[in-house]
Protein backbone atom coordinates (compact mmCIF):
# COMPACT_ATOMS: atom_id res chain seq x y z
CA UNK A 1 0.00 0.00 0.00
CA UNK A 2 1.78 3.14 -1.16
CA UNK A 3 0.82 6.62 -0.07
CA UNK A 4 1.42 9.46 -2.47
CA UNK A 5 1.27 13.18 -1.71
CA UNK A 6 1.94 15.70 -4.45
CA UNK A 7 3.31 19.16 -3.78
CA UNK A 8 0.83 21.91 -4.58
CA UNK A 9 1.74 25.23 -6.12
CA UNK A 10 3.35 27.47 -3.47
CA UNK A 11 3.22 24.79 -0.75
CA UNK A 12 6.16 24.75 1.66
CA UNK A 13 8.15 21.64 2.52
CA UNK A 14 6.85 21.65 6.11
CA UNK A 15 3.24 21.82 4.89
CA UNK A 16 3.95 18.93 2.52
CA UNK A 17 5.38 16.87 5.39
CA UNK A 18 2.34 17.72 7.52
CA UNK A 19 -0.04 16.54 4.80
CA UNK A 20 1.98 13.38 4.29
CA UNK A 21 2.02 12.50 7.99
CA UNK A 22 -1.70 13.23 8.26
CA UNK A 23 -2.43 10.91 5.33
CA UNK A 24 -0.22 8.17 6.82
CA UNK A 25 -2.10 8.37 10.14
CA UNK A 26 -5.49 8.27 8.43
CA UNK A 27 -4.58 5.29 6.27
CA UNK A 28 -3.70 3.08 9.25
CA UNK A 29 -0.26 2.15 7.91
CA UNK A 30 1.48 3.43 11.03
CA UNK A 31 -0.84 1.51 13.35
CA UNK A 32 -0.31 -1.69 11.38
CA UNK A 33 3.49 -1.25 11.40
CA UNK A 34 3.56 -0.76 15.16
CA UNK A 35 1.37 -3.81 15.63
CA UNK A 36 3.87 -5.89 13.66
CA UNK A 37 6.93 -4.48 15.44
CA UNK A 38 5.65 -5.17 18.95
CA UNK A 39 3.99 -8.52 18.21
CA UNK A 40 4.87 -11.10 20.83
CA UNK A 41 4.20 -14.75 20.17
CA UNK A 42 2.36 -16.69 22.84
CA UNK A 43 4.52 -18.89 25.04
CA UNK A 44 3.77 -22.57 24.60
CA UNK A 45 2.12 -24.66 27.29
CA UNK A 46 5.25 -26.52 28.42
CA UNK A 47 7.24 -23.32 28.96
CA UNK A 48 4.36 -21.76 30.91
CA UNK A 49 4.15 -24.86 33.08
CA UNK A 50 7.90 -24.91 33.74
CA UNK A 51 7.83 -21.21 34.58
CA UNK A 52 4.99 -21.73 37.05
CA UNK A 53 6.89 -24.60 38.70
CA UNK A 54 10.01 -22.44 38.96
CA UNK A 55 8.05 -19.53 40.47
CA UNK A 56 6.38 -21.74 43.06
CA UNK A 57 9.70 -23.34 44.07
CA UNK A 58 11.34 -19.92 44.43
CA UNK A 59 8.39 -18.72 46.52
CA UNK A 60 8.75 -21.76 48.82
CA UNK A 61 12.49 -21.06 49.21
CA UNK A 62 11.83 -17.44 50.13
CA UNK A 63 9.10 -18.39 52.64
CA UNK A 64 11.41 -20.97 54.21
CA UNK A 65 14.23 -18.42 54.46
CA UNK A 66 11.88 -15.92 56.12
CA UNK A 67 10.78 -18.50 58.68
CA UNK A 68 14.39 -19.33 59.48
CA UNK A 69 15.23 -15.63 59.81
CA UNK A 70 17.73 -15.57 56.96
CA UNK A 71 15.83 -12.86 55.10
C-alpha atoms as a PDB file:
ATOM      1  CA  UNK A   1       0.000   0.000   0.000  1.00  0.00           C
ATOM      2  CA  UNK A   2       1.785   3.136  -1.159  1.00  0.00           C
ATOM      3  CA  UNK A   3       0.820   6.622  -0.072  1.00  0.00           C
ATOM      4  CA  UNK A   4       1.418   9.459  -2.469  1.00  0.00           C
ATOM      5  CA  UNK A   5       1.266  13.181  -1.712  1.00  0.00           C
ATOM      6  CA  UNK A   6       1.938  15.704  -4.446  1.00  0.00           C
ATOM      7  CA  UNK A   7       3.305  19.164  -3.782  1.00  0.00           C
ATOM      8  CA  UNK A   8       0.830  21.906  -4.581  1.00  0.00           C
ATOM      9  CA  UNK A   9       1.738  25.233  -6.116  1.00  0.00           C
ATOM     10  CA  UNK A  10       3.348  27.468  -3.470  1.00  0.00           C
ATOM     11  CA  UNK A  11       3.220  24.788  -0.749  1.00  0.00           C
ATOM     12  CA  UNK A  12       6.163  24.749   1.657  1.00  0.00           C
ATOM     13  CA  UNK A  13       8.147  21.641   2.523  1.00  0.00           C
ATOM     14  CA  UNK A  14       6.849  21.646   6.109  1.00  0.00           C
ATOM     15  CA  UNK A  15       3.245  21.816   4.890  1.00  0.00           C
ATOM     16  CA  UNK A  16       3.952  18.928   2.519  1.00  0.00           C
ATOM     17  CA  UNK A  17       5.384  16.870   5.394  1.00  0.00           C
ATOM     18  CA  UNK A  18       2.344  17.720   7.524  1.00  0.00           C
ATOM     19  CA  UNK A  19      -0.042  16.544   4.796  1.00  0.00           C
ATOM     20  CA  UNK A  20       1.985  13.380   4.292  1.00  0.00           C
ATOM     21  CA  UNK A  21       2.021  12.496   7.993  1.00  0.00           C
ATOM     22  CA  UNK A  22      -1.699  13.229   8.259  1.00  0.00           C
ATOM     23  CA  UNK A  23      -2.434  10.909   5.331  1.00  0.00           C
ATOM     24  CA  UNK A  24      -0.219   8.168   6.820  1.00  0.00           C
ATOM     25  CA  UNK A  25      -2.103   8.367  10.143  1.00  0.00           C
ATOM     26  CA  UNK A  26      -5.494   8.271   8.432  1.00  0.00           C
ATOM     27  CA  UNK A  27      -4.580   5.287   6.272  1.00  0.00           C
ATOM     28  CA  UNK A  28      -3.701   3.081   9.251  1.00  0.00           C
ATOM     29  CA  UNK A  29      -0.257   2.152   7.910  1.00  0.00           C
ATOM     30  CA  UNK A  30       1.475   3.431  11.031  1.00  0.00           C
ATOM     31  CA  UNK A  31      -0.839   1.510  13.346  1.00  0.00           C
ATOM     32  CA  UNK A  32      -0.310  -1.695  11.383  1.00  0.00           C
ATOM     33  CA  UNK A  33       3.487  -1.254  11.398  1.00  0.00           C
ATOM     34  CA  UNK A  34       3.559  -0.758  15.161  1.00  0.00           C
ATOM     35  CA  UNK A  35       1.369  -3.806  15.626  1.00  0.00           C
ATOM     36  CA  UNK A  36       3.868  -5.892  13.663  1.00  0.00           C
ATOM     37  CA  UNK A  37       6.932  -4.481  15.439  1.00  0.00           C
ATOM     38  CA  UNK A  38       5.647  -5.174  18.946  1.00  0.00           C
ATOM     39  CA  UNK A  39       3.994  -8.519  18.208  1.00  0.00           C
ATOM     40  CA  UNK A  40       4.873 -11.102  20.828  1.00  0.00           C
ATOM     41  CA  UNK A  41       4.202 -14.751  20.175  1.00  0.00           C
ATOM     42  CA  UNK A  42       2.361 -16.693  22.837  1.00  0.00           C
ATOM     43  CA  UNK A  43       4.521 -18.886  25.044  1.00  0.00           C
ATOM     44  CA  UNK A  44       3.766 -22.568  24.596  1.00  0.00           C
ATOM     45  CA  UNK A  45       2.119 -24.663  27.295  1.00  0.00           C
ATOM     46  CA  UNK A  46       5.248 -26.523  28.425  1.00  0.00           C
ATOM     47  CA  UNK A  47       7.243 -23.322  28.956  1.00  0.00           C
ATOM     48  CA  UNK A  48       4.356 -21.759  30.908  1.00  0.00           C
ATOM     49  CA  UNK A  49       4.150 -24.858  33.078  1.00  0.00           C
ATOM     50  CA  UNK A  50       7.902 -24.906  33.737  1.00  0.00           C
ATOM     51  CA  UNK A  51       7.830 -21.209  34.575  1.00  0.00           C
ATOM     52  CA  UNK A  52       4.989 -21.735  37.050  1.00  0.00           C
ATOM     53  CA  UNK A  53       6.889 -24.598  38.701  1.00  0.00           C
ATOM     54  CA  UNK A  54      10.012 -22.436  38.956  1.00  0.00           C
ATOM     55  CA  UNK A  55       8.050 -19.534  40.471  1.00  0.00           C
ATOM     56  CA  UNK A  56       6.380 -21.743  43.057  1.00  0.00           C
ATOM     57  CA  UNK A  57       9.699 -23.344  44.073  1.00  0.00           C
ATOM     58  CA  UNK A  58      11.340 -19.919  44.427  1.00  0.00           C
ATOM     59  CA  UNK A  59       8.389 -18.718  46.515  1.00  0.00           C
ATOM     60  CA  UNK A  60       8.753 -21.761  48.817  1.00  0.00           C
ATOM     61  CA  UNK A  61      12.490 -21.060  49.205  1.00  0.00           C
ATOM     62  CA  UNK A  62      11.826 -17.435  50.132  1.00  0.00           C
ATOM     63  CA  UNK A  63       9.102 -18.392  52.635  1.00  0.00           C
ATOM     64  CA  UNK A  64      11.411 -20.969  54.208  1.00  0.00           C
ATOM     65  CA  UNK A  65      14.233 -18.423  54.458  1.00  0.00           C
ATOM     66  CA  UNK A  66      11.880 -15.918  56.122  1.00  0.00           C
ATOM     67  CA  UNK A  67      10.776 -18.503  58.682  1.00  0.00           C
ATOM     68  CA  UNK A  68      14.386 -19.328  59.478  1.00  0.00           C
ATOM     69  CA  UNK A  69      15.226 -15.632  59.809  1.00  0.00           C
ATOM     70  CA  UNK A  70      17.725 -15.575  56.964  1.00  0.00           C
ATOM     71  CA  UNK A  71      15.829 -12.860  55.095  1.00  0.00           C
END
